[in-house]
N, C-alpha and C. Protein backbone atom coordinates (compact mmCIF):
# COMPACT_ATOMS: atom_id res chain seq x y z
N MET A 1 -18.12 -20.26 8.89
CA MET A 1 -17.83 -20.26 7.47
C MET A 1 -16.41 -20.77 7.24
N PRO A 2 -16.14 -22.03 7.53
CA PRO A 2 -14.78 -22.55 7.41
C PRO A 2 -14.22 -22.48 5.99
N HIS A 3 -15.05 -22.69 4.97
CA HIS A 3 -14.52 -22.68 3.61
C HIS A 3 -14.13 -21.28 3.16
N GLU A 4 -14.69 -20.25 3.80
CA GLU A 4 -14.35 -18.87 3.43
C GLU A 4 -13.16 -18.33 4.22
N THR A 5 -12.89 -18.90 5.36
CA THR A 5 -11.81 -18.38 6.19
C THR A 5 -10.62 -19.32 6.27
N ARG A 6 -10.62 -20.37 5.51
CA ARG A 6 -9.55 -21.36 5.55
C ARG A 6 -8.19 -20.75 5.19
N PHE A 7 -8.16 -19.77 4.33
CA PHE A 7 -6.89 -19.19 3.90
C PHE A 7 -6.21 -18.39 5.00
N LEU A 8 -6.93 -18.03 6.05
CA LEU A 8 -6.33 -17.25 7.14
C LEU A 8 -5.43 -18.07 8.04
N VAL A 9 -5.61 -19.38 8.09
CA VAL A 9 -4.86 -20.22 9.02
C VAL A 9 -3.35 -20.11 8.81
N PRO A 10 -2.82 -20.25 7.58
CA PRO A 10 -1.36 -20.12 7.44
C PRO A 10 -0.85 -18.72 7.78
N ARG A 11 -1.69 -17.73 7.67
CA ARG A 11 -1.26 -16.36 7.94
C ARG A 11 -1.29 -16.01 9.42
N MET A 12 -2.04 -16.75 10.20
CA MET A 12 -2.15 -16.49 11.63
C MET A 12 -1.36 -17.50 12.47
N ASN A 13 -0.62 -18.38 11.84
CA ASN A 13 0.18 -19.38 12.53
C ASN A 13 1.32 -18.68 13.27
N ALA A 14 1.39 -18.90 14.57
CA ALA A 14 2.40 -18.20 15.38
C ALA A 14 3.82 -18.69 15.11
N VAL A 15 3.98 -19.84 14.44
CA VAL A 15 5.31 -20.36 14.14
C VAL A 15 5.98 -19.50 13.07
N THR A 16 5.21 -19.03 12.13
CA THR A 16 5.75 -18.19 11.06
C THR A 16 5.71 -16.73 11.47
N HIS A 17 6.22 -15.87 10.63
CA HIS A 17 6.20 -14.43 10.91
C HIS A 17 5.03 -13.74 10.22
N TRP A 18 4.12 -14.49 9.64
CA TRP A 18 2.99 -13.87 8.94
C TRP A 18 2.06 -13.08 9.85
N PRO A 19 1.89 -13.45 11.15
CA PRO A 19 1.04 -12.60 12.01
C PRO A 19 1.58 -11.18 12.16
N ILE A 20 2.89 -11.01 12.08
CA ILE A 20 3.47 -9.66 12.14
C ILE A 20 3.02 -8.85 10.94
N VAL A 21 3.07 -9.48 9.76
CA VAL A 21 2.62 -8.80 8.53
C VAL A 21 1.14 -8.47 8.65
N SER A 22 0.37 -9.38 9.22
CA SER A 22 -1.07 -9.15 9.39
C SER A 22 -1.33 -7.93 10.26
N ALA A 23 -0.60 -7.80 11.36
CA ALA A 23 -0.78 -6.66 12.25
C ALA A 23 -0.36 -5.35 11.57
N VAL A 24 0.72 -5.39 10.81
CA VAL A 24 1.17 -4.19 10.09
C VAL A 24 0.12 -3.78 9.05
N LEU A 25 -0.43 -4.75 8.34
CA LEU A 25 -1.46 -4.45 7.35
C LEU A 25 -2.69 -3.84 8.00
N LEU A 26 -3.09 -4.37 9.13
CA LEU A 26 -4.25 -3.81 9.83
C LEU A 26 -4.00 -2.35 10.16
N GLY A 27 -2.79 -2.02 10.60
CA GLY A 27 -2.48 -0.65 10.94
C GLY A 27 -2.34 0.26 9.74
N VAL A 28 -1.68 -0.22 8.70
CA VAL A 28 -1.37 0.64 7.54
C VAL A 28 -2.58 0.84 6.62
N VAL A 29 -3.26 -0.24 6.30
CA VAL A 29 -4.31 -0.16 5.28
C VAL A 29 -5.67 0.24 5.86
N TYR A 30 -5.97 -0.22 7.06
CA TYR A 30 -7.31 0.02 7.57
C TYR A 30 -7.37 1.11 8.63
N LEU A 31 -6.55 1.03 9.65
CA LEU A 31 -6.62 2.00 10.74
C LEU A 31 -5.81 3.26 10.45
N GLY A 32 -4.71 3.12 9.72
CA GLY A 32 -3.84 4.26 9.43
C GLY A 32 -4.56 5.41 8.74
N PRO A 33 -5.22 5.18 7.60
CA PRO A 33 -5.91 6.29 6.93
C PRO A 33 -7.00 6.92 7.79
N LEU A 34 -7.69 6.10 8.58
CA LEU A 34 -8.73 6.63 9.44
C LEU A 34 -8.15 7.62 10.43
N VAL A 35 -7.08 7.25 11.08
CA VAL A 35 -6.47 8.11 12.10
C VAL A 35 -5.75 9.29 11.46
N LEU A 36 -5.02 9.03 10.38
CA LEU A 36 -4.22 10.10 9.76
C LEU A 36 -5.08 11.16 9.08
N LEU A 37 -6.25 10.78 8.59
CA LEU A 37 -7.10 11.74 7.90
C LEU A 37 -8.27 12.22 8.75
N LEU A 38 -8.22 11.96 10.03
CA LEU A 38 -9.29 12.41 10.92
C LEU A 38 -9.33 13.93 11.08
N PRO A 39 -8.20 14.59 11.26
CA PRO A 39 -8.26 16.06 11.42
C PRO A 39 -8.71 16.75 10.12
N HIS A 40 -9.47 17.80 10.29
CA HIS A 40 -9.98 18.55 9.14
C HIS A 40 -8.84 19.16 8.32
N ARG A 41 -7.82 19.66 8.97
CA ARG A 41 -6.69 20.28 8.27
C ARG A 41 -5.93 19.26 7.42
N ALA A 42 -5.87 18.01 7.87
CA ALA A 42 -5.14 16.98 7.14
C ALA A 42 -5.78 16.72 5.78
N LYS A 43 -7.10 16.76 5.73
CA LYS A 43 -7.80 16.50 4.47
C LYS A 43 -7.67 17.64 3.48
N ARG A 44 -7.29 18.80 3.95
CA ARG A 44 -7.14 19.96 3.07
C ARG A 44 -5.71 20.15 2.58
N ASN A 45 -4.79 19.35 3.05
CA ASN A 45 -3.38 19.46 2.67
C ASN A 45 -3.08 18.39 1.61
N ALA A 46 -3.00 18.81 0.35
CA ALA A 46 -2.84 17.87 -0.76
C ALA A 46 -1.57 17.01 -0.65
N PRO A 47 -0.41 17.56 -0.33
CA PRO A 47 0.76 16.69 -0.19
C PRO A 47 0.60 15.64 0.91
N TYR A 48 -0.02 16.02 2.00
CA TYR A 48 -0.25 15.08 3.10
C TYR A 48 -1.18 13.96 2.67
N VAL A 49 -2.26 14.31 1.99
CA VAL A 49 -3.20 13.30 1.50
C VAL A 49 -2.50 12.40 0.49
N GLY A 50 -1.62 12.95 -0.32
CA GLY A 50 -0.86 12.15 -1.27
C GLY A 50 0.05 11.14 -0.59
N ILE A 51 0.68 11.56 0.50
CA ILE A 51 1.54 10.65 1.25
C ILE A 51 0.72 9.53 1.87
N VAL A 52 -0.44 9.88 2.43
CA VAL A 52 -1.31 8.85 3.01
C VAL A 52 -1.79 7.89 1.93
N ALA A 53 -2.14 8.43 0.75
CA ALA A 53 -2.58 7.57 -0.35
C ALA A 53 -1.45 6.64 -0.81
N ALA A 54 -0.22 7.15 -0.86
CA ALA A 54 0.91 6.30 -1.24
C ALA A 54 1.15 5.22 -0.20
N LEU A 55 0.97 5.55 1.06
CA LEU A 55 1.11 4.56 2.13
C LEU A 55 0.06 3.46 1.99
N VAL A 56 -1.17 3.85 1.71
CA VAL A 56 -2.24 2.87 1.53
C VAL A 56 -1.97 2.02 0.28
N LEU A 57 -1.50 2.63 -0.78
CA LEU A 57 -1.19 1.87 -2.00
C LEU A 57 -0.08 0.85 -1.75
N ALA A 58 0.94 1.26 -1.02
CA ALA A 58 2.01 0.32 -0.66
C ALA A 58 1.47 -0.80 0.24
N GLY A 59 0.58 -0.44 1.16
CA GLY A 59 -0.03 -1.44 2.02
C GLY A 59 -0.89 -2.42 1.24
N MET A 60 -1.57 -1.94 0.22
CA MET A 60 -2.39 -2.84 -0.61
C MET A 60 -1.50 -3.80 -1.40
N TRP A 61 -0.32 -3.33 -1.82
CA TRP A 61 0.61 -4.23 -2.51
C TRP A 61 1.09 -5.32 -1.55
N VAL A 62 1.41 -4.91 -0.31
CA VAL A 62 1.84 -5.89 0.69
C VAL A 62 0.70 -6.86 1.00
N GLU A 63 -0.54 -6.38 0.99
CA GLU A 63 -1.68 -7.26 1.24
C GLU A 63 -1.82 -8.32 0.16
N ARG A 64 -1.60 -7.95 -1.09
CA ARG A 64 -1.67 -8.95 -2.17
C ARG A 64 -0.56 -9.98 -2.00
N TRP A 65 0.62 -9.53 -1.60
CA TRP A 65 1.73 -10.43 -1.33
C TRP A 65 1.38 -11.36 -0.17
N TRP A 66 0.75 -10.80 0.87
CA TRP A 66 0.32 -11.54 2.04
C TRP A 66 -0.73 -12.60 1.69
N LEU A 67 -1.57 -12.28 0.71
CA LEU A 67 -2.60 -13.25 0.30
C LEU A 67 -2.03 -14.40 -0.50
N VAL A 68 -0.98 -14.16 -1.28
CA VAL A 68 -0.47 -15.18 -2.20
C VAL A 68 0.63 -16.04 -1.58
N MET A 69 1.61 -15.45 -0.95
CA MET A 69 2.81 -16.18 -0.53
C MET A 69 2.56 -17.34 0.44
N PRO A 70 1.76 -17.18 1.49
CA PRO A 70 1.57 -18.33 2.38
C PRO A 70 0.86 -19.50 1.69
N SER A 71 0.01 -19.23 0.72
CA SER A 71 -0.68 -20.31 0.03
C SER A 71 0.27 -21.10 -0.86
N LEU A 72 1.43 -20.55 -1.18
CA LEU A 72 2.44 -21.27 -1.95
C LEU A 72 3.32 -22.12 -1.05
N GLY A 73 3.14 -22.00 0.25
CA GLY A 73 3.92 -22.78 1.20
C GLY A 73 5.31 -22.24 1.43
N LYS A 74 5.55 -21.02 1.04
CA LYS A 74 6.88 -20.43 1.21
C LYS A 74 6.95 -19.67 2.53
N PRO A 75 8.12 -19.67 3.17
CA PRO A 75 8.26 -18.91 4.42
C PRO A 75 8.33 -17.41 4.12
N LEU A 76 8.17 -16.63 5.16
CA LEU A 76 8.26 -15.19 5.02
C LEU A 76 9.67 -14.82 4.58
N ALA A 77 9.77 -14.22 3.42
CA ALA A 77 11.07 -13.82 2.88
C ALA A 77 10.88 -12.59 2.01
N PHE A 78 11.89 -11.76 1.99
CA PHE A 78 11.88 -10.57 1.15
C PHE A 78 13.16 -10.60 0.33
N GLY A 79 12.99 -10.74 -0.97
CA GLY A 79 14.16 -10.86 -1.82
C GLY A 79 14.08 -9.95 -3.03
N LEU A 80 14.81 -10.32 -4.06
CA LEU A 80 14.88 -9.52 -5.28
C LEU A 80 13.53 -9.36 -5.97
N PRO A 81 12.70 -10.39 -6.11
CA PRO A 81 11.40 -10.18 -6.77
C PRO A 81 10.52 -9.17 -6.03
N GLU A 82 10.52 -9.23 -4.71
CA GLU A 82 9.71 -8.28 -3.95
C GLU A 82 10.27 -6.86 -4.09
N ALA A 83 11.58 -6.72 -4.03
CA ALA A 83 12.20 -5.41 -4.19
C ALA A 83 11.94 -4.85 -5.59
N ALA A 84 11.98 -5.72 -6.60
CA ALA A 84 11.70 -5.27 -7.97
C ALA A 84 10.25 -4.81 -8.11
N GLY A 85 9.33 -5.49 -7.44
CA GLY A 85 7.93 -5.07 -7.47
C GLY A 85 7.73 -3.70 -6.85
N ILE A 86 8.39 -3.47 -5.72
CA ILE A 86 8.29 -2.16 -5.07
C ILE A 86 8.91 -1.08 -5.94
N LEU A 87 10.07 -1.37 -6.53
CA LEU A 87 10.73 -0.41 -7.41
C LEU A 87 9.86 -0.08 -8.62
N ALA A 88 9.22 -1.08 -9.19
CA ALA A 88 8.32 -0.85 -10.33
C ALA A 88 7.12 0.00 -9.92
N LEU A 89 6.57 -0.26 -8.75
CA LEU A 89 5.44 0.52 -8.26
C LEU A 89 5.84 1.98 -8.03
N LEU A 90 6.98 2.20 -7.40
CA LEU A 90 7.45 3.56 -7.17
C LEU A 90 7.77 4.30 -8.46
N THR A 91 8.39 3.59 -9.39
CA THR A 91 8.72 4.21 -10.68
C THR A 91 7.46 4.60 -11.43
N GLY A 92 6.48 3.71 -11.46
CA GLY A 92 5.21 4.02 -12.12
C GLY A 92 4.52 5.20 -11.47
N GLY A 93 4.54 5.26 -10.15
CA GLY A 93 3.93 6.38 -9.45
C GLY A 93 4.62 7.70 -9.75
N LEU A 94 5.93 7.69 -9.76
CA LEU A 94 6.67 8.92 -10.07
C LEU A 94 6.46 9.37 -11.51
N LEU A 95 6.42 8.41 -12.43
CA LEU A 95 6.14 8.77 -13.83
C LEU A 95 4.74 9.35 -13.99
N PHE A 96 3.78 8.80 -13.27
CA PHE A 96 2.42 9.33 -13.33
C PHE A 96 2.37 10.75 -12.77
N ILE A 97 3.04 10.97 -11.65
CA ILE A 97 3.05 12.31 -11.05
C ILE A 97 3.70 13.31 -12.00
N ARG A 98 4.78 12.91 -12.64
CA ARG A 98 5.44 13.80 -13.60
C ARG A 98 4.53 14.11 -14.79
N TRP A 99 3.84 13.09 -15.29
CA TRP A 99 2.93 13.29 -16.41
C TRP A 99 1.77 14.19 -16.01
N ALA A 100 1.18 13.94 -14.85
CA ALA A 100 0.04 14.74 -14.39
C ALA A 100 0.46 16.18 -14.14
N SER A 101 1.66 16.38 -13.62
CA SER A 101 2.16 17.73 -13.39
C SER A 101 2.34 18.48 -14.70
N ARG A 102 2.86 17.79 -15.71
CA ARG A 102 3.06 18.41 -17.02
C ARG A 102 1.72 18.79 -17.65
N ILE A 103 0.73 17.91 -17.56
CA ILE A 103 -0.60 18.19 -18.11
C ILE A 103 -1.23 19.36 -17.37
N ARG A 104 -1.06 19.42 -16.07
CA ARG A 104 -1.65 20.50 -15.26
C ARG A 104 -1.04 21.84 -15.64
N HIS A 105 0.28 21.87 -15.85
CA HIS A 105 0.93 23.14 -16.21
C HIS A 105 0.57 23.58 -17.62
N GLU A 106 0.35 22.64 -18.53
CA GLU A 106 -0.05 22.99 -19.89
C GLU A 106 -1.44 23.55 -19.95
N ASN A 107 -2.32 23.13 -19.06
CA ASN A 107 -3.71 23.55 -19.09
C ASN A 107 -4.00 24.76 -18.23
N GLN A 108 -3.00 25.30 -17.55
CA GLN A 108 -3.23 26.50 -16.75
C GLN A 108 -3.37 27.70 -17.67
N PRO A 109 -4.30 28.60 -17.35
CA PRO A 109 -4.45 29.80 -18.18
C PRO A 109 -3.24 30.71 -18.03
N GLN A 110 -2.87 31.34 -19.12
CA GLN A 110 -1.74 32.26 -19.11
C GLN A 110 -2.17 33.60 -18.49
N SER A 111 -1.39 34.09 -17.56
CA SER A 111 -1.71 35.38 -16.93
C SER A 111 -1.17 36.50 -17.83
N VAL A 112 -1.91 37.57 -17.87
CA VAL A 112 -1.54 38.71 -18.74
C VAL A 112 -0.90 39.79 -17.95
């Protein structure tokens, strides 16, 4: 299926550093959650599951970057636009957690 896999060539070229990103993505997005959430106790610990989910979310952002940047013909680089994207993602996540925490505390029944 050459027409479906053509986009992988620039990402697997050993001259660039994109294969390193590919290996990190394989570990973080696909194998990481499998291994980290394998123990039964890990799935019952909400903060731990939240950290794993944040790791996967960050990995998915890097995957989108990995899909777009080599097709633009640009070398592997991390600059201000990438840092701003990560900062925006983290800020949005923290705002959501704060909002969800506030809603959760408002809806808790009052103890007598």
